[in-house]
Amino acid sequence: MQDLLAGQIDLMIDSQTISLPQWRAGKINAFAMTSKARSTAAPDIPTVDEAGLPGFHFSVWNATWAPKGTPKAVVKTLNSAVVDALADTTVRARLMDLGQEIYPREQQTPEALYAFQKAEIEKWAPVIRNAGIQAE
């Protein structure tokens, strides 16, 4: 973001939480969101489909993990605490103000996270392999 603001680079694809404050302050232009639907945090910004780059969908997302083998009761307690926090109107308002989308309640479970992460791996693994990208 510093390089974009300084004019060192002309284009950046970044998370809403980084870009929206700069866009709201009028310091950068926003061409599109890389989501299938417009963001509730910035409904005036079109999607990539609307902007002429159909199908270029990806998102930055956050989750909470525990070490493998963590007792199910502990995972349930942690998940319940996160779900409760995400249901709090003050927390929700602040996260939305930051540009953080909050998944619907039915997607706030360990099982939903597992399914989502699995789908993301299946989606991006071939792209990474075909591009020859290696971890450093």
Protein backbone atom coordinates (compact mmCIF):
# COMPACT_ATOMS: atom_id res chain seq x y z
CA MET A 1 0.00 0.00 0.00
CA GLN A 2 2.88 2.35 0.78
CA ASP A 3 4.24 1.89 -2.76
CA LEU A 4 0.81 2.50 -4.29
CA LEU A 5 0.31 5.67 -2.25
CA ALA A 6 3.82 6.85 -3.17
CA GLY A 7 3.24 6.23 -6.88
CA GLN A 8 5.88 3.49 -7.06
CA ILE A 9 3.33 1.00 -8.41
CA ASP A 10 0.18 1.60 -10.44
CA LEU A 11 -2.04 -1.31 -9.44
CA MET A 12 -2.59 -3.46 -6.38
CA ILE A 13 -4.93 -6.28 -5.45
CA ASP A 14 -5.33 -6.32 -1.69
CA SER A 15 -7.79 -7.01 1.08
CA GLN A 16 -10.63 -4.63 1.82
CA THR A 17 -9.31 -4.04 5.32
CA ILE A 18 -6.14 -2.50 3.87
CA SER A 19 -7.59 -0.75 0.83
CA LEU A 20 -10.96 0.63 1.94
CA PRO A 21 -9.60 3.23 4.39
CA GLN A 22 -7.38 4.63 1.64
CA TRP A 23 -10.24 4.57 -0.87
CA ARG A 24 -12.61 6.26 1.58
CA ALA A 25 -9.97 8.95 2.18
CA GLY A 26 -9.77 9.54 -1.58
CA LYS A 27 -6.14 8.49 -1.77
CA ILE A 28 -6.64 5.58 -4.19
CA ASN A 29 -9.12 4.54 -6.86
CA ALA A 30 -11.03 1.28 -6.60
CA PHE A 31 -11.78 -0.44 -9.89
CA ALA A 32 -13.47 -3.62 -8.68
CA MET A 33 -13.96 -6.16 -5.92
CA THR A 34 -12.75 -9.68 -6.67
CA SER A 35 -15.95 -11.16 -5.30
CA LYS A 36 -19.10 -12.47 -6.96
CA ALA A 37 -21.24 -9.93 -5.11
CA ARG A 38 -20.67 -6.32 -4.18
CA SER A 39 -19.23 -5.71 -0.75
CA THR A 40 -21.63 -4.54 1.92
CA ALA A 41 -18.79 -2.37 3.22
CA ALA A 42 -18.41 -0.61 -0.15
CA PRO A 43 -21.48 -1.21 -2.31
CA ASP A 44 -20.46 1.52 -4.80
CA ILE A 45 -17.45 -0.50 -5.99
CA PRO A 46 -18.42 -2.91 -8.80
CA THR A 47 -17.51 -6.58 -8.87
CA VAL A 48 -14.90 -7.87 -11.30
CA ASP A 49 -17.74 -9.38 -13.33
CA GLU A 50 -19.36 -5.96 -13.65
CA ALA A 51 -16.02 -4.30 -14.41
CA GLY A 52 -15.29 -6.59 -17.36
CA LEU A 53 -13.12 -9.32 -15.85
CA PRO A 54 -15.65 -12.09 -15.30
CA GLY A 55 -14.73 -15.01 -13.10
CA PHE A 56 -11.64 -13.44 -11.50
CA HIS A 57 -12.96 -14.25 -8.03
CA PHE A 58 -10.86 -14.68 -4.93
CA SER A 59 -11.03 -13.43 -1.39
CA VAL A 60 -8.91 -12.83 1.64
CA TRP A 61 -10.42 -14.59 4.61
CA ASN A 62 -9.63 -15.17 8.26
CA ALA A 63 -10.24 -18.13 10.50
CA THR A 64 -9.22 -19.52 13.86
CA TRP A 65 -7.42 -22.85 14.13
CA ALA A 66 -6.33 -24.99 17.05
CA PRO A 67 -3.52 -27.54 17.05
CA LYS A 68 -4.28 -31.00 15.70
CA GLY A 69 -5.58 -33.22 18.46
CA THR A 70 -7.20 -30.40 20.43
CA PRO A 71 -10.11 -31.96 22.34
CA LYS A 72 -13.47 -31.44 20.64
CA ALA A 73 -14.86 -29.81 23.79
CA VAL A 74 -12.12 -27.16 23.64
CA VAL A 75 -12.76 -26.56 19.93
CA LYS A 76 -16.47 -26.23 20.68
CA THR A 77 -15.77 -23.71 23.46
CA LEU A 78 -13.44 -21.65 21.26
CA ASN A 79 -15.90 -21.71 18.38
CA SER A 80 -18.73 -20.64 20.65
CA ALA A 81 -16.68 -17.68 21.89
CA VAL A 82 -15.90 -16.57 18.33
CA VAL A 83 -19.52 -16.98 17.23
CA ASP A 84 -20.68 -14.95 20.24
CA ALA A 85 -18.17 -12.20 19.48
CA LEU A 86 -19.23 -12.08 15.82
CA ALA A 87 -22.87 -11.78 16.90
CA ASP A 88 -22.15 -8.71 19.03
CA THR A 89 -23.49 -5.63 17.24
CA THR A 90 -20.53 -3.46 18.23
CA VAL A 91 -18.02 -6.03 17.00
CA ARG A 92 -19.97 -6.57 13.77
CA ALA A 93 -20.19 -2.84 13.10
CA ARG A 94 -16.47 -2.35 13.66
CA LEU A 95 -15.49 -5.30 11.47
CA MET A 96 -17.84 -4.14 8.72
CA ASP A 97 -16.41 -0.61 8.97
CA LEU A 98 -12.97 -2.12 8.45
CA GLY A 99 -14.24 -3.92 5.35
CA GLN A 100 -14.28 -7.37 6.90
CA GLU A 101 -17.15 -9.45 5.62
CA ILE A 102 -18.73 -11.72 8.25
CA TYR A 103 -19.89 -15.13 7.11
CA PRO A 104 -23.47 -16.18 7.96
CA ARG A 105 -23.90 -18.06 11.25
CA GLU A 106 -24.26 -21.46 9.55
CA GLN A 107 -20.78 -21.01 8.08
CA GLN A 108 -19.18 -20.24 11.45
CA THR A 109 -18.48 -23.86 12.39
CA PRO A 110 -15.35 -26.03 12.30
CA GLU A 111 -17.04 -28.25 9.72
CA ALA A 112 -17.86 -25.31 7.46
CA LEU A 113 -14.29 -24.02 7.77
CA TYR A 114 -12.93 -27.44 6.84
CA ALA A 115 -15.18 -27.62 3.76
CA PHE A 116 -14.30 -24.06 2.73
CA GLN A 117 -10.56 -24.57 3.15
CA LYS A 118 -10.73 -27.85 1.22
CA ALA A 119 -12.58 -26.13 -1.63
CA GLU A 120 -10.01 -23.30 -1.68
CA ILE A 121 -7.15 -25.82 -1.88
CA GLU A 122 -8.89 -27.67 -4.72
CA LYS A 123 -9.46 -24.36 -6.53
CA TRP A 124 -5.98 -22.88 -6.17
CA ALA A 125 -3.66 -25.94 -6.14
CA PRO A 126 -3.89 -26.46 -9.93
CA VAL A 127 -3.31 -22.73 -10.55
CA ILE A 128 -0.22 -22.79 -8.33
CA ARG A 129 1.10 -26.00 -9.93
CA ASN A 130 0.47 -24.78 -13.49
CA ALA A 131 2.23 -21.49 -12.76
CA GLY A 132 5.22 -23.30 -11.27
CA ILE A 133 4.94 -21.38 -8.01
CA GLN A 134 7.19 -22.75 -5.26
CA ALA A 135 7.33 -21.91 -1.57
CA GLU A 136 10.53 -20.17 -0.54
